[in-house]
Amino acid sequence: MSVWNLLVKLVIAFCWGLLTEAAFFGIGMAYGALSYTGLRDGWTVFVIVVSGYIAALIGLPFSLSIFLWRLWRMLPD
């Protein structure tokens, strides 16, 4: 595997992880909070979804470090 190919795969995986993690956290938090509280106004939904994205971005470095550690273990010595 060439270095260029590895870098391209790393960038794609990073972008895909960022998008999916933020989306799932935001949607999951919004659905859970709205189901629990029964609130339906627009500002509540907005605040909960934005909070979910912020939480996902805070958790992203941890997820990325695990991904890079696993990638590092796969590389030949």
PDB file of N, CA and C in Angstrom:
ATOM      1  N   MET A   1       0.859  -1.180   0.000  1.00  0.00           N
ATOM      2  CA  MET A   1       0.000   0.000   0.000  1.00  0.00           C
ATOM      3  C   MET A   1       0.901   1.237   0.000  1.00  0.00           C
ATOM      4  N   SER A   2       0.653   2.117  -0.926  1.00  0.00           N
ATOM      5  CA  SER A   2       1.478   3.319  -1.009  1.00  0.00           C
ATOM      6  C   SER A   2       1.090   4.317   0.078  1.00  0.00           C
ATOM      7  N   VAL A   3       1.995   5.222   0.359  1.00  0.00           N
ATOM      8  CA  VAL A   3       1.747   6.242   1.378  1.00  0.00           C
ATOM      9  C   VAL A   3       0.591   7.146   0.942  1.00  0.00           C
ATOM     10  N   TRP A   4       0.541   7.481  -0.330  1.00  0.00           N
ATOM     11  CA  TRP A   4      -0.528   8.338  -0.837  1.00  0.00           C
ATOM     12  C   TRP A   4      -1.892   7.677  -0.634  1.00  0.00           C
ATOM     13  N   ASN A   5      -1.977   6.389  -0.958  1.00  0.00           N
ATOM     14  CA  ASN A   5      -3.218   5.641  -0.794  1.00  0.00           C
ATOM     15  C   ASN A   5      -3.637   5.609   0.676  1.00  0.00           C
ATOM     16  N   LEU A   6      -2.673   5.426   1.562  1.00  0.00           N
ATOM     17  CA  LEU A   6      -2.955   5.400   2.995  1.00  0.00           C
ATOM     18  C   LEU A   6      -3.453   6.761   3.486  1.00  0.00           C
ATOM     19  N   LEU A   7      -2.848   7.840   3.018  1.00  0.00           N
ATOM     20  CA  LEU A   7      -3.279   9.178   3.419  1.00  0.00           C
ATOM     21  C   LEU A   7      -4.691   9.492   2.931  1.00  0.00           C
ATOM     22  N   VAL A   8      -4.993   9.098   1.713  1.00  0.00           N
ATOM     23  CA  VAL A   8      -6.336   9.326   1.178  1.00  0.00           C
ATOM     24  C   VAL A   8      -7.369   8.571   2.005  1.00  0.00           C
ATOM     25  N   LYS A   9      -7.073   7.320   2.339  1.00  0.00           N
ATOM     26  CA  LYS A   9      -7.996   6.542   3.155  1.00  0.00           C
ATOM     27  C   LYS A   9      -8.150   7.139   4.549  1.00  0.00           C
ATOM     28  N   LEU A  10      -7.081   7.664   5.100  1.00  0.00           N
ATOM     29  CA  LEU A  10      -7.135   8.278   6.415  1.00  0.00           C
ATOM     30  C   LEU A  10      -8.013   9.531   6.406  1.00  0.00           C
ATOM     31  N   VAL A  11      -7.885  10.363   5.391  1.00  0.00           N
ATOM     32  CA  VAL A  11      -8.698  11.579   5.285  1.00  0.00           C
ATOM     33  C   VAL A  11     -10.171  11.224   5.103  1.00  0.00           C
ATOM     34  N   ILE A  12     -10.451  10.253   4.257  1.00  0.00           N
ATOM     35  CA  ILE A  12     -11.838   9.828   4.039  1.00  0.00           C
ATOM     36  C   ILE A  12     -12.433   9.281   5.334  1.00  0.00           C
ATOM     37  N   ALA A  13     -11.688   8.453   6.033  1.00  0.00           N
ATOM     38  CA  ALA A  13     -12.187   7.877   7.286  1.00  0.00           C
ATOM     39  C   ALA A  13     -12.413   8.965   8.332  1.00  0.00           C
ATOM     40  N   PHE A  14     -11.513   9.943   8.392  1.00  0.00           N
ATOM     41  CA  PHE A  14     -11.665  11.028   9.357  1.00  0.00           C
ATOM     42  C   PHE A  14     -12.920  11.849   9.065  1.00  0.00           C
ATOM     43  N   CYS A  15     -13.118  12.232   7.821  1.00  0.00           N
ATOM     44  CA  CYS A  15     -14.294  13.036   7.456  1.00  0.00           C
ATOM     45  C   CYS A  15     -15.582  12.252   7.670  1.00  0.00           C
ATOM     46  N   TRP A  16     -15.586  10.989   7.281  1.00  0.00           N
ATOM     47  CA  TRP A  16     -16.777  10.168   7.459  1.00  0.00           C
ATOM     48  C   TRP A  16     -17.088   9.997   8.944  1.00  0.00           C
ATOM     49  N   GLY A  17     -16.068   9.759   9.749  1.00  0.00           N
ATOM     50  CA  GLY A  17     -16.273   9.619  11.189  1.00  0.00           C
ATOM     51  C   GLY A  17     -16.798  10.891  11.822  1.00  0.00           C
ATOM     52  N   LEU A  18     -16.270  12.036  11.392  1.00  0.00           N
ATOM     53  CA  LEU A  18     -16.735  13.314  11.922  1.00  0.00           C
ATOM     54  C   LEU A  18     -18.205  13.531  11.613  1.00  0.00           C
ATOM     55  N   LEU A  19     -18.593  13.283  10.383  1.00  0.00           N
ATOM     56  CA  LEU A  19     -19.982  13.499   9.988  1.00  0.00           C
ATOM     57  C   LEU A  19     -20.940  12.531  10.667  1.00  0.00           C
ATOM     58  N   THR A  20     -20.597  11.263  10.667  1.00  0.00           N
ATOM     59  CA  THR A  20     -21.525  10.281  11.223  1.00  0.00           C
ATOM     60  C   THR A  20     -21.620  10.389  12.740  1.00  0.00           C
ATOM     61  N   GLU A  21     -20.486  10.613  13.396  1.00  0.00           N
ATOM     62  CA  GLU A  21     -20.524  10.705  14.860  1.00  0.00           C
ATOM     63  C   GLU A  21     -21.341  11.914  15.298  1.00  0.00           C
ATOM     64  N   ALA A  22     -21.096  13.050  14.676  1.00  0.00           N
ATOM     65  CA  ALA A  22     -21.843  14.251  15.049  1.00  0.00           C
ATOM     66  C   ALA A  22     -23.327  14.092  14.740  1.00  0.00           C
ATOM     67  N   ALA A  23     -23.638  13.512  13.608  1.00  0.00           N
ATOM     68  CA  ALA A  23     -25.046  13.353  13.232  1.00  0.00           C
ATOM     69  C   ALA A  23     -25.767  12.400  14.184  1.00  0.00           C
ATOM     70  N   PHE A  24     -25.165  11.251  14.475  1.00  0.00           N
ATOM     71  CA  PHE A  24     -25.827  10.287  15.354  1.00  0.00           C
ATOM     72  C   PHE A  24     -25.958  10.808  16.777  1.00  0.00           C
ATOM     73  N   PHE A  25     -24.935  11.500  17.285  1.00  0.00           N
ATOM     74  CA  PHE A  25     -25.039  12.061  18.622  1.00  0.00           C
ATOM     75  C   PHE A  25     -26.118  13.132  18.673  1.00  0.00           C
ATOM     76  N   GLY A  26     -26.135  14.000  17.685  1.00  0.00           N
ATOM     77  CA  GLY A  26     -27.133  15.068  17.668  1.00  0.00           C
ATOM     78  C   GLY A  26     -28.551  14.538  17.559  1.00  0.00           C
ATOM     79  N   ILE A  27     -28.757  13.604  16.648  1.00  0.00           N
ATOM     80  CA  ILE A  27     -30.090  13.039  16.457  1.00  0.00           C
ATOM     81  C   ILE A  27     -30.502  12.226  17.688  1.00  0.00           C
ATOM     82  N   GLY A  28     -29.584  11.447  18.231  1.00  0.00           N
ATOM     83  CA  GLY A  28     -29.901  10.625  19.398  1.00  0.00           C
ATOM     84  C   GLY A  28     -30.240  11.461  20.617  1.00  0.00           C
ATOM     85  N   MET A  29     -29.460  12.523  20.841  1.00  0.00           N
ATOM     86  CA  MET A  29     -29.752  13.382  21.985  1.00  0.00           C
ATOM     87  C   MET A  29     -31.081  14.100  21.797  1.00  0.00           C
ATOM     88  N   ALA A  30     -31.342  14.573  20.593  1.00  0.00           N
ATOM     89  CA  ALA A  30     -32.596  15.284  20.345  1.00  0.00           C
ATOM     90  C   ALA A  30     -33.791  14.353  20.536  1.00  0.00           C
ATOM     91  N   TYR A  31     -33.699  13.161  19.989  1.00  0.00           N
ATOM     92  CA  TYR A  31     -34.818  12.223  20.104  1.00  0.00           C
ATOM     93  C   TYR A  31     -35.051  11.830  21.560  1.00  0.00           C
ATOM     94  N   GLY A  32     -33.972  11.537  22.273  1.00  0.00           N
ATOM     95  CA  GLY A  32     -34.099  11.145  23.673  1.00  0.00           C
ATOM     96  C   GLY A  32     -34.665  12.263  24.539  1.00  0.00           C
ATOM     97  N   ALA A  33     -34.164  13.471  24.342  1.00  0.00           N
ATOM     98  CA  ALA A  33     -34.633  14.591  25.157  1.00  0.00           C
ATOM     99  C   ALA A  33     -36.082  14.942  24.833  1.00  0.00           C
ATOM    100  N   LEU A  34     -36.430  14.924  23.569  1.00  0.00           N
ATOM    101  CA  LEU A  34     -37.809  15.250  23.197  1.00  0.00           C
ATOM    102  C   LEU A  34     -38.785  14.170  23.654  1.00  0.00           C
ATOM    103  N   SER A  35     -38.353  12.918  23.600  1.00  0.00           N
ATOM    104  CA  SER A  35     -39.228  11.841  24.077  1.00  0.00           C
ATOM    105  C   SER A  35     -39.426  11.936  25.586  1.00  0.00           C
ATOM    106  N   TYR A  36     -38.371  12.310  26.294  1.00  0.00           N
ATOM    107  CA  TYR A  36     -38.451  12.357  27.751  1.00  0.00           C
ATOM    108  C   TYR A  36     -39.246  13.567  28.246  1.00  0.00           C
ATOM    109  N   THR A  37     -38.994  14.733  27.629  1.00  0.00           N
ATOM    110  CA  THR A  37     -39.627  15.958  28.121  1.00  0.00           C
ATOM    111  C   THR A  37     -40.950  16.261  27.443  1.00  0.00           C
ATOM    112  N   GLY A  38     -41.122  15.777  26.214  1.00  0.00           N
ATOM    113  CA  GLY A  38     -42.343  16.072  25.484  1.00  0.00           C
ATOM    114  C   GLY A  38     -42.346  17.469  24.873  1.00  0.00           C
ATOM    115  N   LEU A  39     -41.197  18.166  24.947  1.00  0.00           N
ATOM    116  CA  LEU A  39     -41.130  19.515  24.371  1.00  0.00           C
ATOM    117  C   LEU A  39     -41.017  19.430  22.857  1.00  0.00           C
ATOM    118  N   ARG A  40     -41.675  20.359  22.174  1.00  0.00           N
ATOM    119  CA  ARG A  40     -41.667  20.309  20.713  1.00  0.00           C
ATOM    120  C   ARG A  40     -41.365  21.657  20.063  1.00  0.00           C
ATOM    121  N   ASP A  41     -41.052  22.686  20.843  1.00  0.00           N
ATOM    122  CA  ASP A  41     -40.830  23.984  20.211  1.00  0.00           C
ATOM    123  C   ASP A  41     -39.474  23.997  19.503  1.00  0.00           C
ATOM    124  N   GLY A  42     -39.344  24.882  18.549  1.00  0.00           N
ATOM    125  CA  GLY A  42     -38.173  24.915  17.679  1.00  0.00           C
ATOM    126  C   GLY A  42     -36.864  25.195  18.384  1.00  0.00           C
ATOM    127  N   TRP A  43     -36.846  26.104  19.348  1.00  0.00           N
ATOM    128  CA  TRP A  43     -35.606  26.441  20.041  1.00  0.00           C
ATOM    129  C   TRP A  43     -35.094  25.273  20.865  1.00  0.00           C
ATOM    130  N   THR A  44     -35.991  24.531  21.464  1.00  0.00           N
ATOM    131  CA  THR A  44     -35.567  23.375  22.260  1.00  0.00           C
ATOM    132  C   THR A  44     -34.890  22.343  21.365  1.00  0.00           C
ATOM    133  N   VAL A  45     -35.484  22.069  20.229  1.00  0.00           N
ATOM    134  CA  VAL A  45     -34.893  21.114  19.292  1.00  0.00           C
ATOM    135  C   VAL A  45     -33.538  21.621  18.817  1.00  0.00           C
ATOM    136  N   PHE A  46     -33.451  22.887  18.492  1.00  0.00           N
ATOM    137  CA  PHE A  46     -32.197  23.474  18.012  1.00  0.00           C
ATOM    138  C   PHE A  46     -31.098  23.347  19.065  1.00  0.00           C
ATOM    139  N   VAL A  47     -31.400  23.714  20.294  1.00  0.00           N
ATOM    140  CA  VAL A  47     -30.401  23.672  21.365  1.00  0.00           C
ATOM    141  C   VAL A  47     -29.941  22.240  21.629  1.00  0.00           C
ATOM    142  N   ILE A  48     -30.865  21.302  21.616  1.00  0.00           N
ATOM    143  CA  ILE A  48     -30.503  19.909  21.884  1.00  0.00           C
ATOM    144  C   ILE A  48     -29.642  19.343  20.756  1.00  0.00           C
ATOM    145  N   VAL A  49     -29.996  19.619  19.510  1.00  0.00           N
ATOM    146  CA  VAL A  49     -29.211  19.104  18.387  1.00  0.00           C
ATOM    147  C   VAL A  49     -27.829  19.742  18.357  1.00  0.00           C
ATOM    148  N   VAL A  50     -27.738  21.049  18.583  1.00  0.00           N
ATOM    149  CA  VAL A  50     -26.430  21.713  18.609  1.00  0.00           C
ATOM    150  C   VAL A  50     -25.584  21.162  19.764  1.00  0.00           C
ATOM    151  N   SER A  51     -26.212  20.919  20.906  1.00  0.00           N
ATOM    152  CA  SER A  51     -25.486  20.322  22.034  1.00  0.00           C
ATOM    153  C   SER A  51     -24.959  18.941  21.665  1.00  0.00           C
ATOM    154  N   GLY A  52     -25.739  18.196  20.906  1.00  0.00           N
ATOM    155  CA  GLY A  52     -25.286  16.886  20.453  1.00  0.00           C
ATOM    156  C   GLY A  52     -24.075  16.984  19.540  1.00  0.00           C
ATOM    157  N   TYR A  53     -24.081  17.952  18.631  1.00  0.00           N
ATOM    158  CA  TYR A  53     -22.924  18.143  17.760  1.00  0.00           C
ATOM    159  C   TYR A  53     -21.699  18.561  18.557  1.00  0.00           C
ATOM    160  N   ILE A  54     -21.874  19.427  19.538  1.00  0.00           N
ATOM    161  CA  ILE A  54     -20.738  19.855  20.363  1.00  0.00           C
ATOM    162  C   ILE A  54     -20.182  18.664  21.147  1.00  0.00           C
ATOM    163  N   ALA A  55     -21.059  17.852  21.712  1.00  0.00           N
ATOM    164  CA  ALA A  55     -20.608  16.667  22.441  1.00  0.00           C
ATOM    165  C   ALA A  55     -19.852  15.708  21.523  1.00  0.00           C
ATOM    166  N   ALA A  56     -20.338  15.560  20.300  1.00  0.00           N
ATOM    167  CA  ALA A  56     -19.666  14.671  19.351  1.00  0.00           C
ATOM    168  C   ALA A  56     -18.288  15.212  18.988  1.00  0.00           C
ATOM    169  N   LEU A  57     -18.167  16.511  18.804  1.00  0.00           N
ATOM    170  CA  LEU A  57     -16.871  17.089  18.452  1.00  0.00           C
ATOM    171  C   LEU A  57     -15.888  17.002  19.614  1.00  0.00           C
ATOM    172  N   ILE A  58     -16.402  17.063  20.843  1.00  0.00           N
ATOM    173  CA  ILE A  58     -15.523  16.893  22.001  1.00  0.00           C
ATOM    174  C   ILE A  58     -15.036  15.442  22.073  1.00  0.00           C
ATOM    175  N   GLY A  59     -15.905  14.496  21.751  1.00  0.00           N
ATOM    176  CA  GLY A  59     -15.532  13.084  21.781  1.00  0.00           C
ATOM    177  C   GLY A  59     -14.734  12.633  20.574  1.00  0.00           C
ATOM    178  N   LEU A  60     -14.662  13.454  19.534  1.00  0.00           N
ATOM    179  CA  LEU A  60     -13.981  13.063  18.306  1.00  0.00           C
ATOM    180  C   LEU A  60     -12.488  12.777  18.505  1.00  0.00           C
ATOM    181  N   PRO A  61     -11.731  13.609  19.242  1.00  0.00           N
ATOM    182  CA  PRO A  61     -10.302  13.283  19.405  1.00  0.00           C
ATOM    183  C   PRO A  61     -10.067  11.912  20.030  1.00  0.00           C
ATOM    184  N   PHE A  62     -10.914  11.510  20.967  1.00  0.00           N
ATOM    185  CA  PHE A  62     -10.787  10.189  21.568  1.00  0.00           C
ATOM    186  C   PHE A  62     -11.018   9.103  20.519  1.00  0.00           C
ATOM    187  N   SER A  63     -12.074   9.260  19.723  1.00  0.00           N
ATOM    188  CA  SER A  63     -12.365   8.280  18.678  1.00  0.00           C
ATOM    189  C   SER A  63     -11.247   8.242  17.641  1.00  0.00           C
ATOM    190  N   LEU A  64     -10.734   9.415  17.294  1.00  0.00           N
ATOM    191  CA  LEU A  64      -9.658   9.482  16.307  1.00  0.00           C
ATOM    192  C   LEU A  64      -8.384   8.834  16.842  1.00  0.00           C
ATOM    193  N   SER A  65      -8.089   9.023  18.130  1.00  0.00           N
ATOM    194  CA  SER A  65      -6.885   8.420  18.695  1.00  0.00           C
ATOM    195  C   SER A  65      -6.986   6.889  18.663  1.00  0.00           C
ATOM    196  N   ILE A  66      -8.162   6.341  18.930  1.00  0.00           N
ATOM    197  CA  ILE A  66      -8.344   4.885  18.852  1.00  0.00           C
ATOM    198  C   ILE A  66      -8.167   4.414  17.413  1.00  0.00           C
ATOM    199  N   PHE A  67      -8.747   5.172  16.461  1.00  0.00           N
ATOM    200  CA  PHE A  67      -8.614   4.806  15.053  1.00  0.00           C
ATOM    201  C   PHE A  67      -7.147   4.822  14.625  1.00  0.00           C
ATOM    202  N   LEU A  68      -6.399   5.871  15.003  1.00  0.00           N
ATOM    203  CA  LEU A  68      -4.993   5.963  14.612  1.00  0.00           C
ATOM    204  C   LEU A  68      -4.158   4.879  15.279  1.00  0.00           C
ATOM    205  N   TRP A  69      -4.476   4.538  16.513  1.00  0.00           N
ATOM    206  CA  TRP A  69      -3.745   3.472  17.195  1.00  0.00           C
ATOM    207  C   TRP A  69      -3.952   2.144  16.475  1.00  0.00           C
ATOM    208  N   ARG A  70      -5.198   1.865  16.077  1.00  0.00           N
ATOM    209  CA  ARG A  70      -5.472   0.626  15.339  1.00  0.00           C
ATOM    210  C   ARG A  70      -4.797   0.634  13.975  1.00  0.00           C
ATOM    211  N   LEU A  71      -4.787   1.786  13.322  1.00  0.00           N
ATOM    212  CA  LEU A  71      -4.122   1.902  12.032  1.00  0.00           C
ATOM    213  C   LEU A  71      -2.626   1.675  12.184  1.00  0.00           C
ATOM    214  N   TRP A  72      -2.042   2.229  13.232  1.00  0.00           N
ATOM    215  CA  TRP A  72      -0.606   2.087  13.483  1.00  0.00           C
ATOM    216  C   TRP A  72      -0.233   0.618  13.696  1.00  0.00           C
ATOM    217  N   ARG A  73      -1.105  -0.118  14.372  1.00  0.00           N
ATOM    218  CA  ARG A  73      -0.845  -1.543  14.622  1.00  0.00           C
ATOM    219  C   ARG A  73      -0.911  -2.356  13.338  1.00  0.00           C
ATOM    220  N   MET A  74      -1.667  -1.887  12.341  1.00  0.00           N
ATOM    221  CA  MET A  74      -1.798  -2.622  11.087  1.00  0.00           C
ATOM    222  C   MET A  74      -0.604  -2.409  10.165  1.00  0.00           C
ATOM    223  N   LEU A  75       0.157  -1.340  10.372  1.00  0.00           N
ATOM    224  CA  LEU A  75       1.285  -1.059   9.493  1.00  0.00           C
ATOM    225  C   LEU A  75       2.401  -2.080   9.702  1.00  0.00           C
ATOM    226  N   PRO A  76       3.120  -2.424   8.625  1.00  0.00           N
ATOM    227  CA  PRO A  76       4.229  -3.380   8.777  1.00  0.00           C
ATOM    228  C   PRO A  76       5.381  -2.744   9.574  1.00  0.00           C
ATOM    229  N   ASP A  77       6.151  -3.602  10.238  1.00  0.00           N
ATOM    230  CA  ASP A  77       7.291  -3.109  11.043  1.00  0.00           C
ATOM    231  C   ASP A  77       8.391  -2.543  10.187  1.00  0.00           C
TER     232      ASP A  77
END
